[in-house]
Amino acid sequence: SHETARIRWGFFTTYRRLFSLVFIGNIVALIIILSSHRTLFAVVNAAAVNLAVTGLIRVPYVVNLFYMVICLIPRTAPLSIRHAAAEMPHFGGVHSGCGIASLLWYIVLCVLATRDYALSAPPALVHNTALIVLMYLILCLILFIVIAAYPALRFKYHDRFELTHRFSSWLLVPL
């Protein structure tokens, strides 16, 4: 029906479906990891993976690789496969989903590291004040990037968004 099509194509766009898939997968992983006993290193790895995917999915070489693979699909392939491949330009949902998920993972990491630091019973994994300060600086940068990318702000101040998003992201790499 018309209403079903409007909901599917108007609200449940490919971008939003990809975002939801990535984010829900991260929430499930977070629940599993927090219920286990190896939390700190698992949270570090999850935050790092999400940050890496967030950045790599926007690297031109990676984007070009996606397009090259999609162009290998023959015209004789089933329409459903070709249609799914045609949705590839909406991979920004993966970028955004991993970006928001990395913020969530990094908040959890800061909370766990701060707890370990406060307890500071040797051999605590995190016992260096400079490391804690650096972690919160990185958290502020990730939060700043996410806030600047909020759609209403991004559209209204697009040039500023581009500058803050790009340079803050580059600053995250050495930190």
C-alpha atoms as a PDB file:
ATOM      1  CA  SER A   1       0.000   0.000   0.000  1.00  0.00           C
ATOM      2  CA  HIS A   2       0.922   3.647  -0.261  1.00  0.00           C
ATOM      3  CA  GLU A   3       1.363   4.001   3.518  1.00  0.00           C
ATOM      4  CA  THR A   4       3.648   0.960   3.728  1.00  0.00           C
ATOM      5  CA  ALA A   5       5.800   2.272   0.885  1.00  0.00           C
ATOM      6  CA  ARG A   6       5.986   5.702   2.517  1.00  0.00           C
ATOM      7  CA  ILE A   7       7.147   4.164   5.798  1.00  0.00           C
ATOM      8  CA  ARG A   8       9.654   1.855   4.110  1.00  0.00           C
ATOM      9  CA  TRP A   9      11.169   4.379   1.716  1.00  0.00           C
ATOM     10  CA  GLY A  10      10.567   7.503   3.802  1.00  0.00           C
ATOM     11  CA  PHE A  11      11.568   6.376   7.265  1.00  0.00           C
ATOM     12  CA  PHE A  12      13.338   3.015   6.931  1.00  0.00           C
ATOM     13  CA  THR A  13      15.837   4.148   4.326  1.00  0.00           C
ATOM     14  CA  THR A  14      18.891   2.047   3.571  1.00  0.00           C
ATOM     15  CA  TYR A  15      21.003   4.537   5.521  1.00  0.00           C
ATOM     16  CA  ARG A  16      18.817   4.135   8.627  1.00  0.00           C
ATOM     17  CA  ARG A  17      18.643   0.356   8.281  1.00  0.00           C
ATOM     18  CA  LEU A  18      22.447   0.134   8.077  1.00  0.00           C
ATOM     19  CA  PHE A  19      22.818   2.518  11.019  1.00  0.00           C
ATOM     20  CA  SER A  20      20.356   0.457  13.070  1.00  0.00           C
ATOM     21  CA  LEU A  21      22.000  -2.844  12.174  1.00  0.00           C
ATOM     22  CA  VAL A  22      25.450  -1.578  13.200  1.00  0.00           C
ATOM     23  CA  PHE A  23      24.221   0.126  16.359  1.00  0.00           C
ATOM     24  CA  ILE A  24      22.025  -2.759  17.556  1.00  0.00           C
ATOM     25  CA  GLY A  25      24.901  -5.167  16.905  1.00  0.00           C
ATOM     26  CA  ASN A  26      27.118  -2.989  19.088  1.00  0.00           C
ATOM     27  CA  ILE A  27      24.498  -2.852  21.861  1.00  0.00           C
ATOM     28  CA  VAL A  28      24.262  -6.658  21.837  1.00  0.00           C
ATOM     29  CA  ALA A  29      28.069  -6.902  21.966  1.00  0.00           C
ATOM     30  CA  LEU A  30      28.171  -4.375  24.816  1.00  0.00           C
ATOM     31  CA  ILE A  31      25.684  -6.411  26.853  1.00  0.00           C
ATOM     32  CA  ILE A  32      27.647  -9.609  26.233  1.00  0.00           C
ATOM     33  CA  ILE A  33      30.982  -7.994  27.115  1.00  0.00           C
ATOM     34  CA  LEU A  34      29.727  -6.251  30.250  1.00  0.00           C
ATOM     35  CA  SER A  35      28.270  -9.526  31.493  1.00  0.00           C
ATOM     36  CA  SER A  36      31.646 -11.270  31.056  1.00  0.00           C
ATOM     37  CA  HIS A  37      34.740 -10.894  33.203  1.00  0.00           C
ATOM     38  CA  ARG A  38      37.155  -9.611  30.529  1.00  0.00           C
ATOM     39  CA  THR A  39      35.608  -6.203  30.178  1.00  0.00           C
ATOM     40  CA  LEU A  40      38.406  -3.611  29.930  1.00  0.00           C
ATOM     41  CA  PHE A  41      40.396  -5.088  27.044  1.00  0.00           C
ATOM     42  CA  ALA A  42      37.234  -6.142  25.195  1.00  0.00           C
ATOM     43  CA  VAL A  43      35.856  -2.600  25.500  1.00  0.00           C
ATOM     44  CA  VAL A  44      39.173  -1.155  24.283  1.00  0.00           C
ATOM     45  CA  ASN A  45      39.070  -3.447  21.255  1.00  0.00           C
ATOM     46  CA  ALA A  46      35.410  -2.683  20.497  1.00  0.00           C
ATOM     47  CA  ALA A  47      36.015   1.070  20.711  1.00  0.00           C
ATOM     48  CA  ALA A  48      39.087   0.748  18.481  1.00  0.00           C
ATOM     49  CA  VAL A  49      37.295  -1.386  15.883  1.00  0.00           C
ATOM     50  CA  ASN A  50      34.362   1.031  15.700  1.00  0.00           C
ATOM     51  CA  LEU A  51      36.665   4.044  15.411  1.00  0.00           C
ATOM     52  CA  ALA A  52      38.670   2.289  12.696  1.00  0.00           C
ATOM     53  CA  VAL A  53      35.576   1.337  10.682  1.00  0.00           C
ATOM     54  CA  THR A  54      34.186   4.853  11.117  1.00  0.00           C
ATOM     55  CA  GLY A  55      37.290   6.306   9.508  1.00  0.00           C
ATOM     56  CA  LEU A  56      38.082   3.610   6.965  1.00  0.00           C
ATOM     57  CA  ILE A  57      34.583   3.535   5.482  1.00  0.00           C
ATOM     58  CA  ARG A  58      35.170   7.121   4.298  1.00  0.00           C
ATOM     59  CA  VAL A  59      38.662   6.632   2.875  1.00  0.00           C
ATOM     60  CA  PRO A  60      38.493   7.145  -0.921  1.00  0.00           C
ATOM     61  CA  TYR A  61      40.452   3.956  -1.637  1.00  0.00           C
ATOM     62  CA  VAL A  62      37.952   1.913   0.380  1.00  0.00           C
ATOM     63  CA  VAL A  63      34.983   3.621  -1.289  1.00  0.00           C
ATOM     64  CA  ASN A  64      36.532   2.978  -4.711  1.00  0.00           C
ATOM     65  CA  LEU A  65      37.100  -0.657  -3.764  1.00  0.00           C
ATOM     66  CA  PHE A  66      33.395  -1.014  -2.894  1.00  0.00           C
ATOM     67  CA  TYR A  67      32.434   0.447  -6.255  1.00  0.00           C
ATOM     68  CA  MET A  68      34.893  -1.802  -8.086  1.00  0.00           C
ATOM     69  CA  VAL A  69      33.420  -4.891  -6.430  1.00  0.00           C
ATOM     70  CA  ILE A  70      29.879  -3.756  -7.198  1.00  0.00           C
ATOM     71  CA  CYS A  71      30.792  -3.160 -10.843  1.00  0.00           C
ATOM     72  CA  LEU A  72      31.888  -6.802 -11.068  1.00  0.00           C
ATOM     73  CA  ILE A  73      28.289  -7.944 -10.581  1.00  0.00           C
ATOM     74  CA  PRO A  74      27.114  -9.112 -14.005  1.00  0.00           C
ATOM     75  CA  ARG A  75      23.951  -7.778 -15.590  1.00  0.00           C
ATOM     76  CA  THR A  76      22.676 -11.337 -15.659  1.00  0.00           C
ATOM     77  CA  ALA A  77      22.679 -11.497 -11.840  1.00  0.00           C
ATOM     78  CA  PRO A  78      19.268 -11.565 -10.170  1.00  0.00           C
ATOM     79  CA  LEU A  79      17.611  -8.183  -9.811  1.00  0.00           C
ATOM     80  CA  SER A  80      17.497  -8.495  -6.017  1.00  0.00           C
ATOM     81  CA  ILE A  81      21.309  -8.733  -5.895  1.00  0.00           C
ATOM     82  CA  ARG A  82      21.778  -5.822  -8.291  1.00  0.00           C
ATOM     83  CA  HIS A  83      19.226  -3.760  -6.355  1.00  0.00           C
ATOM     84  CA  ALA A  84      21.020  -4.450  -3.054  1.00  0.00           C
ATOM     85  CA  ALA A  85      24.329  -3.479  -4.669  1.00  0.00           C
ATOM     86  CA  ALA A  86      22.788  -0.250  -5.970  1.00  0.00           C
ATOM     87  CA  GLU A  87      22.149   0.755  -2.359  1.00  0.00           C
ATOM     88  CA  MET A  88      25.906   0.916  -1.693  1.00  0.00           C
ATOM     89  CA  PRO A  89      26.083   4.723  -1.777  1.00  0.00           C
ATOM     90  CA  HIS A  90      24.116   4.675   1.487  1.00  0.00           C
ATOM     91  CA  PHE A  91      27.009   3.095   3.393  1.00  0.00           C
ATOM     92  CA  GLY A  92      27.130   6.327   5.397  1.00  0.00           C
ATOM     93  CA  GLY A  93      24.808   4.532   7.805  1.00  0.00           C
ATOM     94  CA  VAL A  94      27.744   2.280   8.695  1.00  0.00           C
ATOM     95  CA  HIS A  95      29.955   5.358   9.187  1.00  0.00           C
ATOM     96  CA  SER A  96      27.408   7.019  11.478  1.00  0.00           C
ATOM     97  CA  GLY A  97      26.462   3.813  13.290  1.00  0.00           C
ATOM     98  CA  CYS A  98      30.072   2.973  14.085  1.00  0.00           C
ATOM     99  CA  GLY A  99      30.760   6.603  15.027  1.00  0.00           C
ATOM    100  CA  ILE A 100      27.932   6.720  17.568  1.00  0.00           C
ATOM    101  CA  ALA A 101      28.807   3.220  18.786  1.00  0.00           C
ATOM    102  CA  SER A 102      32.448   4.242  19.259  1.00  0.00           C
ATOM    103  CA  LEU A 103      31.283   7.125  21.446  1.00  0.00           C
ATOM    104  CA  LEU A 104      29.247   4.682  23.527  1.00  0.00           C
ATOM    105  CA  TRP A 105      32.144   2.226  23.792  1.00  0.00           C
ATOM    106  CA  TYR A 106      34.549   5.011  24.702  1.00  0.00           C
ATOM    107  CA  ILE A 107      32.238   6.284  27.454  1.00  0.00           C
ATOM    108  CA  VAL A 108      32.132   2.760  28.904  1.00  0.00           C
ATOM    109  CA  LEU A 109      35.923   2.546  28.593  1.00  0.00           C
ATOM    110  CA  CYS A 110      36.387   5.838  30.463  1.00  0.00           C
ATOM    111  CA  VAL A 111      34.018   4.714  33.213  1.00  0.00           C
ATOM    112  CA  LEU A 112      35.829   1.379  33.642  1.00  0.00           C
ATOM    113  CA  ALA A 113      39.283   2.995  33.527  1.00  0.00           C
ATOM    114  CA  THR A 114      38.232   5.664  36.017  1.00  0.00           C
ATOM    115  CA  ARG A 115      36.893   2.946  38.328  1.00  0.00           C
ATOM    116  CA  ASP A 116      40.199   1.057  38.093  1.00  0.00           C
ATOM    117  CA  TYR A 117      42.116   4.289  38.650  1.00  0.00           C
ATOM    118  CA  ALA A 118      40.009   5.203  41.696  1.00  0.00           C
ATOM    119  CA  LEU A 119      40.529   1.771  43.206  1.00  0.00           C
ATOM    120  CA  SER A 120      44.214   1.871  42.123  1.00  0.00           C
ATOM    121  CA  ALA A 121      45.036  -1.357  43.877  1.00  0.00           C
ATOM    122  CA  PRO A 122      48.214  -2.651  42.260  1.00  0.00           C
ATOM    123  CA  PRO A 123      48.382  -4.223  39.765  1.00  0.00           C
ATOM    124  CA  ALA A 124      45.622  -1.968  38.417  1.00  0.00           C
ATOM    125  CA  LEU A 125      45.493  -1.824  34.643  1.00  0.00           C
ATOM    126  CA  VAL A 126      45.051   1.920  34.685  1.00  0.00           C
ATOM    127  CA  HIS A 127      47.096   3.747  37.295  1.00  0.00           C
ATOM    128  CA  ASN A 128      48.526   6.664  35.371  1.00  0.00           C
ATOM    129  CA  THR A 129      46.888  10.080  35.799  1.00  0.00           C
ATOM    130  CA  ALA A 130      48.159  11.282  32.419  1.00  0.00           C
ATOM    131  CA  LEU A 131      46.492   8.308  30.738  1.00  0.00           C
ATOM    132  CA  ILE A 132      43.159   9.112  32.380  1.00  0.00           C
ATOM    133  CA  VAL A 133      43.421  12.765  31.311  1.00  0.00           C
ATOM    134  CA  LEU A 134      44.273  11.696  27.756  1.00  0.00           C
ATOM    135  CA  MET A 135      41.317   9.314  27.691  1.00  0.00           C
ATOM    136  CA  TYR A 136      38.907  12.079  28.682  1.00  0.00           C
ATOM    137  CA  LEU A 137      40.454  14.422  26.116  1.00  0.00           C
ATOM    138  CA  ILE A 138      39.815  11.791  23.433  1.00  0.00           C
ATOM    139  CA  LEU A 139      36.276  11.324  24.746  1.00  0.00           C
ATOM    140  CA  CYS A 140      35.645  15.079  24.466  1.00  0.00           C
ATOM    141  CA  LEU A 141      36.935  15.059  20.869  1.00  0.00           C
ATOM    142  CA  ILE A 142      34.689  12.134  19.901  1.00  0.00           C
ATOM    143  CA  LEU A 143      31.723  13.845  21.560  1.00  0.00           C
ATOM    144  CA  PHE A 144      32.536  17.087  19.740  1.00  0.00           C
ATOM    145  CA  ILE A 145      32.684  15.254  16.400  1.00  0.00           C
ATOM    146  CA  VAL A 146      29.334  13.541  17.045  1.00  0.00           C
ATOM    147  CA  ILE A 147      27.634  16.776  18.108  1.00  0.00           C
ATOM    148  CA  ALA A 148      29.016  18.649  15.085  1.00  0.00           C
ATOM    149  CA  ALA A 149      27.663  15.871  12.835  1.00  0.00           C
ATOM    150  CA  TYR A 150      24.113  16.211  14.153  1.00  0.00           C
ATOM    151  CA  PRO A 151      22.040  16.703  10.972  1.00  0.00           C
ATOM    152  CA  ALA A 152      20.450  20.040  11.904  1.00  0.00           C
ATOM    153  CA  LEU A 153      23.843  21.523  12.814  1.00  0.00           C
ATOM    154  CA  ARG A 154      25.585  19.885   9.865  1.00  0.00           C
ATOM    155  CA  PHE A 155      23.136  21.343   7.337  1.00  0.00           C
ATOM    156  CA  LYS A 156      23.039  24.792   8.924  1.00  0.00           C
ATOM    157  CA  TYR A 157      26.818  25.166   9.354  1.00  0.00           C
ATOM    158  CA  HIS A 158      28.134  22.768   6.726  1.00  0.00           C
ATOM    159  CA  ASP A 159      31.519  24.387   6.085  1.00  0.00           C
ATOM    160  CA  ARG A 160      32.263  24.563   9.818  1.00  0.00           C
ATOM    161  CA  PHE A 161      31.089  20.975  10.176  1.00  0.00           C
ATOM    162  CA  GLU A 162      33.533  19.853   7.480  1.00  0.00           C
ATOM    163  CA  LEU A 163      36.433  21.608   9.195  1.00  0.00           C
ATOM    164  CA  THR A 164      35.647  20.435  12.724  1.00  0.00           C
ATOM    165  CA  HIS A 165      34.821  16.891  11.612  1.00  0.00           C
ATOM    166  CA  ARG A 166      37.967  16.504   9.536  1.00  0.00           C
ATOM    167  CA  PHE A 167      40.512  18.186  11.808  1.00  0.00           C
ATOM    168  CA  SER A 168      39.116  16.710  15.020  1.00  0.00           C
ATOM    169  CA  SER A 169      39.234  13.271  13.425  1.00  0.00           C
ATOM    170  CA  TRP A 170      42.835  13.818  12.369  1.00  0.00           C
ATOM    171  CA  LEU A 171      43.686  14.938  15.898  1.00  0.00           C
ATOM    172  CA  LEU A 172      42.249  11.692  17.268  1.00  0.00           C
ATOM    173  CA  VAL A 173      44.777   9.634  15.325  1.00  0.00           C
ATOM    174  CA  PRO A 174      47.927  10.783  17.158  1.00  0.00           C
ATOM    175  CA  LEU A 175      46.137  10.979  20.496  1.00  0.00           C
END
